[in-house]
């Protein structure tokens, strides 16, 4: 459910931090919508299989929706290059590429501020991701 396409082949030599960013984006999708995202294999075959997060939870800001969809891009080169870049996109401090596949329900991205709930969820998810990453690295 949270596995990017590049990890399905069994060859881990093609994965890097962007695979973790995909999984983190999928985790945020699940946390924000209370529904699991469509698997990457299913999305590869049918690009419409991923319901835009704001279609499920209209309380999500357009910026957060676009950042989550960016993190969940099917091709690694289309994702944020680092966790810091993704964090900055979530917080509105980083430009997100303007691509058709990142267009969610109604991405009218004007100037806005993150809702307090989104900040809390964002920071909590980032903390969990870092803890998991540290636990993996220290093993």
N, C-alpha and C. Protein backbone atom coordinates (compact mmCIF):
# COMPACT_ATOMS: atom_id res chain seq x y z
N UNK A 1 0.83 -1.19 0.00
CA UNK A 1 0.00 0.00 0.00
C UNK A 1 0.88 1.26 0.00
N UNK A 2 1.98 1.23 0.73
CA UNK A 2 2.85 2.41 0.80
C UNK A 2 4.15 2.19 0.02
N UNK A 3 4.19 1.17 -0.83
CA UNK A 3 5.41 0.80 -1.54
C UNK A 3 5.45 1.46 -2.91
N UNK A 4 6.54 2.18 -3.23
CA UNK A 4 6.66 2.78 -4.56
C UNK A 4 6.95 1.71 -5.61
N UNK A 5 6.70 2.05 -6.85
CA UNK A 5 6.90 1.09 -7.95
C UNK A 5 8.31 0.52 -7.99
N UNK A 6 9.31 1.34 -7.74
CA UNK A 6 10.68 0.88 -7.90
C UNK A 6 11.06 -0.22 -6.92
N UNK A 7 10.26 -0.44 -5.88
CA UNK A 7 10.58 -1.48 -4.91
C UNK A 7 9.87 -2.79 -5.22
N UNK A 8 9.01 -2.83 -6.22
CA UNK A 8 8.31 -4.06 -6.55
C UNK A 8 9.19 -5.05 -7.29
N UNK A 9 10.26 -4.61 -7.93
CA UNK A 9 11.10 -5.50 -8.71
C UNK A 9 12.02 -6.37 -7.88
N UNK A 10 12.16 -6.09 -6.61
CA UNK A 10 13.04 -6.87 -5.75
C UNK A 10 14.49 -6.42 -5.80
N UNK A 11 14.80 -5.44 -6.65
CA UNK A 11 16.16 -4.93 -6.76
C UNK A 11 16.25 -3.62 -5.99
N UNK A 12 16.79 -3.68 -4.79
CA UNK A 12 16.87 -2.50 -3.93
C UNK A 12 17.95 -1.51 -4.36
N UNK A 13 18.73 -1.84 -5.38
CA UNK A 13 19.79 -0.93 -5.79
C UNK A 13 19.25 0.32 -6.48
N UNK A 14 17.99 0.30 -6.87
CA UNK A 14 17.39 1.46 -7.54
C UNK A 14 16.59 2.34 -6.60
N UNK A 15 16.65 2.08 -5.32
CA UNK A 15 15.88 2.89 -4.38
C UNK A 15 16.80 3.83 -3.61
N UNK A 16 16.22 4.94 -3.22
CA UNK A 16 16.95 5.91 -2.42
C UNK A 16 15.95 6.62 -1.51
N UNK A 17 16.29 7.79 -1.02
CA UNK A 17 15.44 8.51 -0.08
C UNK A 17 14.06 8.82 -0.69
N UNK A 18 13.98 8.91 -2.01
CA UNK A 18 12.70 9.23 -2.65
C UNK A 18 11.68 8.11 -2.47
N UNK A 19 12.15 6.87 -2.27
CA UNK A 19 11.22 5.77 -1.97
C UNK A 19 10.60 5.99 -0.59
N UNK A 20 11.41 6.45 0.35
CA UNK A 20 10.89 6.76 1.69
C UNK A 20 9.93 7.94 1.65
N UNK A 21 10.23 8.92 0.81
CA UNK A 21 9.34 10.07 0.68
C UNK A 21 8.00 9.63 0.11
N UNK A 22 8.00 8.70 -0.85
CA UNK A 22 6.76 8.15 -1.38
C UNK A 22 5.95 7.52 -0.24
N UNK A 23 6.60 6.67 0.55
CA UNK A 23 5.92 5.99 1.66
C UNK A 23 5.41 6.98 2.70
N UNK A 24 6.19 8.01 2.96
CA UNK A 24 5.78 9.04 3.91
C UNK A 24 4.55 9.79 3.37
N UNK A 25 4.57 10.11 2.08
CA UNK A 25 3.42 10.77 1.45
C UNK A 25 2.18 9.89 1.53
N UNK A 26 2.34 8.58 1.31
CA UNK A 26 1.22 7.65 1.39
C UNK A 26 0.69 7.57 2.83
N UNK A 27 1.61 7.62 3.80
CA UNK A 27 1.20 7.62 5.21
C UNK A 27 0.41 8.88 5.54
N UNK A 28 0.89 10.03 5.07
CA UNK A 28 0.14 11.27 5.29
C UNK A 28 -1.23 11.22 4.62
N UNK A 29 -1.28 10.68 3.41
CA UNK A 29 -2.56 10.52 2.71
C UNK A 29 -3.54 9.75 3.60
N UNK A 30 -3.07 8.61 4.13
CA UNK A 30 -3.91 7.78 4.98
C UNK A 30 -4.33 8.52 6.26
N UNK A 31 -3.40 9.23 6.89
CA UNK A 31 -3.70 9.97 8.11
C UNK A 31 -4.71 11.10 7.86
N UNK A 32 -4.56 11.78 6.73
CA UNK A 32 -5.43 12.93 6.44
C UNK A 32 -6.80 12.55 5.92
N UNK A 33 -6.90 11.38 5.30
CA UNK A 33 -8.19 10.97 4.70
C UNK A 33 -8.88 9.84 5.44
N UNK A 34 -8.14 9.16 6.30
CA UNK A 34 -8.63 7.98 7.01
C UNK A 34 -8.96 6.85 6.02
N UNK A 35 -8.32 6.88 4.85
CA UNK A 35 -8.46 5.84 3.83
C UNK A 35 -7.09 5.54 3.26
N UNK A 36 -6.79 4.26 3.02
CA UNK A 36 -5.49 3.96 2.42
C UNK A 36 -5.45 4.42 0.97
N UNK A 37 -4.29 4.85 0.50
CA UNK A 37 -4.18 5.24 -0.91
C UNK A 37 -4.16 4.01 -1.80
N UNK A 38 -4.49 4.20 -3.06
CA UNK A 38 -4.40 3.11 -4.03
C UNK A 38 -2.94 2.69 -4.15
N UNK A 39 -2.70 1.39 -4.34
CA UNK A 39 -1.33 0.90 -4.48
C UNK A 39 -0.70 1.45 -5.75
N UNK A 40 0.61 1.60 -5.72
CA UNK A 40 1.33 2.16 -6.86
C UNK A 40 1.13 1.33 -8.13
N UNK A 41 1.09 0.00 -7.99
CA UNK A 41 0.88 -0.85 -9.18
C UNK A 41 -0.48 -0.57 -9.81
N UNK A 42 -1.49 -0.41 -8.98
CA UNK A 42 -2.82 -0.10 -9.50
C UNK A 42 -2.84 1.29 -10.15
N UNK A 43 -2.16 2.24 -9.52
CA UNK A 43 -2.10 3.60 -10.07
C UNK A 43 -1.36 3.63 -11.40
N UNK A 44 -0.34 2.77 -11.54
CA UNK A 44 0.41 2.70 -12.79
C UNK A 44 -0.50 2.25 -13.93
N UNK A 45 -1.40 1.31 -13.65
CA UNK A 45 -2.31 0.80 -14.67
C UNK A 45 -3.51 1.71 -14.90
N UNK A 46 -3.92 2.41 -13.86
CA UNK A 46 -5.07 3.33 -13.96
C UNK A 46 -4.77 4.57 -13.12
N UNK A 47 -4.35 5.63 -13.79
CA UNK A 47 -3.94 6.84 -13.07
C UNK A 47 -5.08 7.49 -12.31
N UNK A 48 -6.31 7.12 -12.62
CA UNK A 48 -7.46 7.71 -11.92
C UNK A 48 -7.82 6.95 -10.65
N UNK A 49 -7.04 5.92 -10.30
CA UNK A 49 -7.39 5.10 -9.15
C UNK A 49 -7.09 5.75 -7.80
N UNK A 50 -6.29 6.81 -7.80
CA UNK A 50 -5.99 7.52 -6.56
C UNK A 50 -6.96 8.69 -6.42
N UNK A 51 -7.81 8.61 -5.43
CA UNK A 51 -8.77 9.69 -5.17
C UNK A 51 -8.03 10.87 -4.57
N UNK A 52 -8.19 12.06 -5.13
CA UNK A 52 -7.53 13.23 -4.53
C UNK A 52 -7.94 13.38 -3.06
N UNK A 53 -6.98 13.66 -2.19
CA UNK A 53 -7.27 13.74 -0.75
C UNK A 53 -8.41 14.70 -0.40
N UNK A 54 -8.50 15.82 -1.08
CA UNK A 54 -9.55 16.80 -0.74
C UNK A 54 -10.94 16.33 -1.16
N UNK A 55 -11.01 15.35 -2.06
CA UNK A 55 -12.32 14.76 -2.40
C UNK A 55 -12.85 13.95 -1.22
N UNK A 56 -11.94 13.45 -0.40
CA UNK A 56 -12.31 12.65 0.76
C UNK A 56 -12.45 13.54 1.99
N UNK A 57 -11.50 14.45 2.18
CA UNK A 57 -11.49 15.34 3.34
C UNK A 57 -11.31 16.78 2.85
N UNK A 58 -12.41 17.51 2.67
CA UNK A 58 -12.31 18.88 2.16
C UNK A 58 -11.61 19.86 3.12
N UNK A 59 -11.31 19.44 4.34
CA UNK A 59 -10.61 20.31 5.29
C UNK A 59 -9.11 20.38 5.03
N UNK A 60 -8.60 19.53 4.14
CA UNK A 60 -7.18 19.57 3.78
C UNK A 60 -6.97 20.77 2.86
N UNK A 61 -5.91 21.52 3.11
CA UNK A 61 -5.63 22.66 2.24
C UNK A 61 -5.15 22.18 0.88
N UNK A 62 -5.31 23.03 -0.12
CA UNK A 62 -4.86 22.71 -1.47
C UNK A 62 -3.35 22.49 -1.50
N UNK A 63 -2.60 23.26 -0.73
CA UNK A 63 -1.14 23.14 -0.68
C UNK A 63 -0.73 21.78 -0.14
N UNK A 64 -1.34 21.34 0.95
CA UNK A 64 -0.99 20.05 1.54
C UNK A 64 -1.38 18.92 0.59
N UNK A 65 -2.53 19.04 -0.03
CA UNK A 65 -2.95 18.02 -0.99
C UNK A 65 -1.92 17.89 -2.12
N UNK A 66 -1.51 19.02 -2.66
CA UNK A 66 -0.55 19.00 -3.77
C UNK A 66 0.80 18.45 -3.31
N UNK A 67 1.24 18.78 -2.11
CA UNK A 67 2.51 18.27 -1.58
C UNK A 67 2.45 16.75 -1.40
N UNK A 68 1.35 16.25 -0.87
CA UNK A 68 1.19 14.80 -0.66
C UNK A 68 1.18 14.08 -2.02
N UNK A 69 0.46 14.63 -2.98
CA UNK A 69 0.44 14.01 -4.31
C UNK A 69 1.82 14.06 -4.97
N UNK A 70 2.57 15.13 -4.72
CA UNK A 70 3.93 15.24 -5.24
C UNK A 70 4.80 14.13 -4.65
N UNK A 71 4.70 13.93 -3.35
CA UNK A 71 5.49 12.88 -2.70
C UNK A 71 5.11 11.49 -3.23
N UNK A 72 3.87 11.34 -3.64
CA UNK A 72 3.38 10.04 -4.11
C UNK A 72 3.49 9.88 -5.62
N UNK A 73 4.26 10.74 -6.28
CA UNK A 73 4.45 10.60 -7.72
C UNK A 73 5.03 9.22 -8.03
N UNK A 74 4.57 8.63 -9.12
CA UNK A 74 5.00 7.27 -9.44
C UNK A 74 6.47 7.17 -9.81
N UNK A 75 7.00 8.15 -10.51
CA UNK A 75 8.41 8.09 -10.89
C UNK A 75 9.26 8.82 -9.85
N UNK A 76 10.35 8.20 -9.40
CA UNK A 76 11.18 8.83 -8.36
C UNK A 76 11.69 10.22 -8.72
N UNK A 77 11.99 10.45 -10.00
CA UNK A 77 12.50 11.76 -10.41
C UNK A 77 11.45 12.86 -10.29
N UNK A 78 10.19 12.47 -10.17
CA UNK A 78 9.10 13.45 -10.06
C UNK A 78 8.77 13.79 -8.62
N UNK A 79 9.42 13.16 -7.66
CA UNK A 79 9.16 13.39 -6.23
C UNK A 79 10.13 14.42 -5.66
N UNK A 80 9.83 14.93 -4.45
CA UNK A 80 10.82 15.80 -3.79
C UNK A 80 12.15 15.05 -3.65
N UNK A 81 13.23 15.78 -3.76
CA UNK A 81 14.57 15.17 -3.71
C UNK A 81 15.04 14.87 -2.29
N UNK A 82 14.40 15.50 -1.29
CA UNK A 82 14.80 15.29 0.10
C UNK A 82 13.60 15.49 1.01
N UNK A 83 13.74 15.00 2.23
CA UNK A 83 12.68 15.18 3.23
C UNK A 83 12.52 16.67 3.54
N UNK A 84 13.62 17.39 3.54
CA UNK A 84 13.56 18.83 3.82
C UNK A 84 12.76 19.55 2.73
N UNK A 85 12.99 19.18 1.48
CA UNK A 85 12.24 19.79 0.38
C UNK A 85 10.74 19.48 0.51
N UNK A 86 10.42 18.25 0.90
CA UNK A 86 9.03 17.86 1.10
C UNK A 86 8.41 18.62 2.28
N UNK A 87 9.15 18.71 3.38
CA UNK A 87 8.66 19.46 4.54
C UNK A 87 8.37 20.91 4.17
N UNK A 88 9.28 21.52 3.45
CA UNK A 88 9.09 22.91 3.05
C UNK A 88 7.87 23.07 2.14
N UNK A 89 7.63 22.08 1.30
CA UNK A 89 6.43 22.12 0.44
C UNK A 89 5.17 22.01 1.29
N UNK A 90 5.19 21.14 2.28
CA UNK A 90 4.03 21.00 3.18
C UNK A 90 3.75 22.30 3.93
N UNK A 91 4.81 22.99 4.32
CA UNK A 91 4.66 24.22 5.09
C UNK A 91 4.44 25.46 4.21
N UNK A 92 4.51 25.27 2.89
CA UNK A 92 4.28 26.39 1.99
C UNK A 92 5.51 27.22 1.69
N UNK A 93 6.69 26.71 2.03
CA UNK A 93 7.93 27.44 1.81
C UNK A 93 8.69 26.96 0.58
N UNK A 94 8.13 26.00 -0.15
CA UNK A 94 8.80 25.40 -1.31
C UNK A 94 7.80 25.34 -2.46
N UNK A 95 8.24 25.76 -3.63
CA UNK A 95 7.40 25.64 -4.81
C UNK A 95 7.22 24.17 -5.16
N UNK A 96 6.01 23.81 -5.52
CA UNK A 96 5.71 22.46 -5.96
C UNK A 96 5.54 22.52 -7.47
N UNK A 97 6.16 21.58 -8.20
CA UNK A 97 6.02 21.61 -9.65
C UNK A 97 4.55 21.65 -10.07
N UNK A 98 4.29 22.36 -11.14
CA UNK A 98 2.93 22.48 -11.64
C UNK A 98 2.73 21.44 -12.74
N UNK A 99 2.27 20.26 -12.33
CA UNK A 99 2.05 19.16 -13.27
C UNK A 99 0.61 18.70 -13.17
N UNK A 100 0.09 18.17 -14.26
CA UNK A 100 -1.31 17.72 -14.30
C UNK A 100 -1.59 16.63 -13.28
N UNK A 101 -0.61 15.73 -13.05
CA UNK A 101 -0.86 14.63 -12.11
C UNK A 101 -0.91 15.09 -10.66
N UNK A 102 -0.52 16.32 -10.40
CA UNK A 102 -0.59 16.85 -9.04
C UNK A 102 -1.86 17.66 -8.81
N UNK A 103 -2.69 17.75 -9.82
CA UNK A 103 -3.93 18.49 -9.70
C UNK A 103 -4.95 17.61 -8.99
N UNK A 104 -5.30 17.97 -7.81
CA UNK A 104 -6.27 17.21 -7.03
C UNK A 104 -7.68 17.66 -7.36
N UNK A 105 -8.50 17.73 -6.37
CA UNK A 105 -9.90 18.04 -6.57
C UNK A 105 -10.11 19.45 -7.11
N UNK A 106 -9.60 20.42 -6.40
CA UNK A 106 -9.75 21.81 -6.84
C UNK A 106 -8.55 22.59 -6.32
N UNK A 107 -7.49 22.53 -7.03
CA UNK A 107 -6.25 23.13 -6.55
C UNK A 107 -6.18 24.61 -6.89
N UNK A 108 -6.96 25.39 -6.19
CA UNK A 108 -6.88 26.83 -6.32
C UNK A 108 -5.87 27.28 -5.28
N UNK A 109 -4.61 27.36 -5.68
CA UNK A 109 -3.55 27.66 -4.71
C UNK A 109 -3.30 29.16 -4.68
N UNK A 110 -4.00 29.79 -3.82
CA UNK A 110 -3.74 31.19 -3.58
C UNK A 110 -2.99 31.28 -2.26
N UNK A 111 -2.73 32.46 -1.82
CA UNK A 111 -2.02 32.61 -0.56
C UNK A 111 -2.89 32.08 0.58
N UNK A 112 -2.31 31.28 1.45
CA UNK A 112 -3.05 30.70 2.55
C UNK A 112 -2.09 30.37 3.67
N UNK A 113 -2.66 30.00 4.78
CA UNK A 113 -1.89 29.53 5.92
C UNK A 113 -2.37 28.13 6.26
N UNK A 114 -1.43 27.31 6.73
CA UNK A 114 -1.81 25.97 7.14
C UNK A 114 -2.71 26.04 8.37
N UNK A 115 -3.71 25.20 8.37
CA UNK A 115 -4.57 25.11 9.54
C UNK A 115 -3.78 24.51 10.70
N UNK A 116 -4.10 24.88 11.92
CA UNK A 116 -3.35 24.33 13.06
C UNK A 116 -3.34 22.80 13.09
N UNK A 117 -4.47 22.18 12.71
CA UNK A 117 -4.52 20.72 12.70
C UNK A 117 -3.54 20.14 11.70
N UNK A 118 -3.39 20.78 10.55
CA UNK A 118 -2.47 20.29 9.53
C UNK A 118 -1.03 20.44 9.99
N UNK A 119 -0.73 21.52 10.69
CA UNK A 119 0.63 21.68 11.22
C UNK A 119 0.94 20.57 12.22
N UNK A 120 0.01 20.30 13.10
CA UNK A 120 0.22 19.26 14.11
C UNK A 120 0.42 17.91 13.44
N UNK A 121 -0.46 17.56 12.50
CA UNK A 121 -0.34 16.28 11.79
C UNK A 121 0.97 16.23 11.01
N UNK A 122 1.32 17.33 10.37
CA UNK A 122 2.56 17.38 9.61
C UNK A 122 3.79 17.17 10.48
N UNK A 123 3.84 17.87 11.59
CA UNK A 123 4.99 17.71 12.49
C UNK A 123 5.01 16.32 13.12
N UNK A 124 3.86 15.80 13.49
CA UNK A 124 3.80 14.45 14.08
C UNK A 124 4.25 13.40 13.06
N UNK A 125 3.78 13.53 11.84
CA UNK A 125 4.17 12.58 10.79
C UNK A 125 5.67 12.69 10.49
N UNK A 126 6.19 13.90 10.45
CA UNK A 126 7.62 14.10 10.21
C UNK A 126 8.44 13.49 11.35
N UNK A 127 7.99 13.68 12.57
CA UNK A 127 8.70 13.11 13.72
C UNK A 127 8.70 11.58 13.65
N UNK A 128 7.55 11.00 13.32
CA UNK A 128 7.48 9.54 13.19
C UNK A 128 8.38 9.04 12.08
N UNK A 129 8.42 9.76 10.98
CA UNK A 129 9.27 9.37 9.86
C UNK A 129 10.75 9.41 10.28
N UNK A 130 11.16 10.46 10.95
CA UNK A 130 12.55 10.59 11.38
C UNK A 130 12.91 9.50 12.39
N UNK A 131 12.00 9.22 13.32
CA UNK A 131 12.24 8.15 14.30
C UNK A 131 12.40 6.82 13.59
N UNK A 132 11.52 6.55 12.63
CA UNK A 132 11.62 5.30 11.87
C UNK A 132 12.90 5.22 11.07
N UNK A 133 13.28 6.33 10.46
CA UNK A 133 14.52 6.38 9.69
C UNK A 133 15.73 6.13 10.58
N UNK A 134 15.75 6.77 11.76
CA UNK A 134 16.86 6.57 12.70
C UNK A 134 16.90 5.14 13.21
N UNK A 135 15.73 4.56 13.47
CA UNK A 135 15.68 3.19 13.94
C UNK A 135 16.22 2.23 12.87
N UNK A 136 15.93 2.54 11.62
CA UNK A 136 16.40 1.70 10.52
C UNK A 136 17.90 1.83 10.33
N UNK A 137 18.41 3.05 10.41
CA UNK A 137 19.83 3.31 10.20
C UNK A 137 20.68 2.75 11.31
N UNK A 138 20.19 2.76 12.54
CA UNK A 138 20.99 2.33 13.69
C UNK A 138 21.01 0.81 13.87
N UNK A 139 20.21 0.08 13.09
CA UNK A 139 20.20 -1.38 13.23
C UNK A 139 21.41 -2.03 12.66
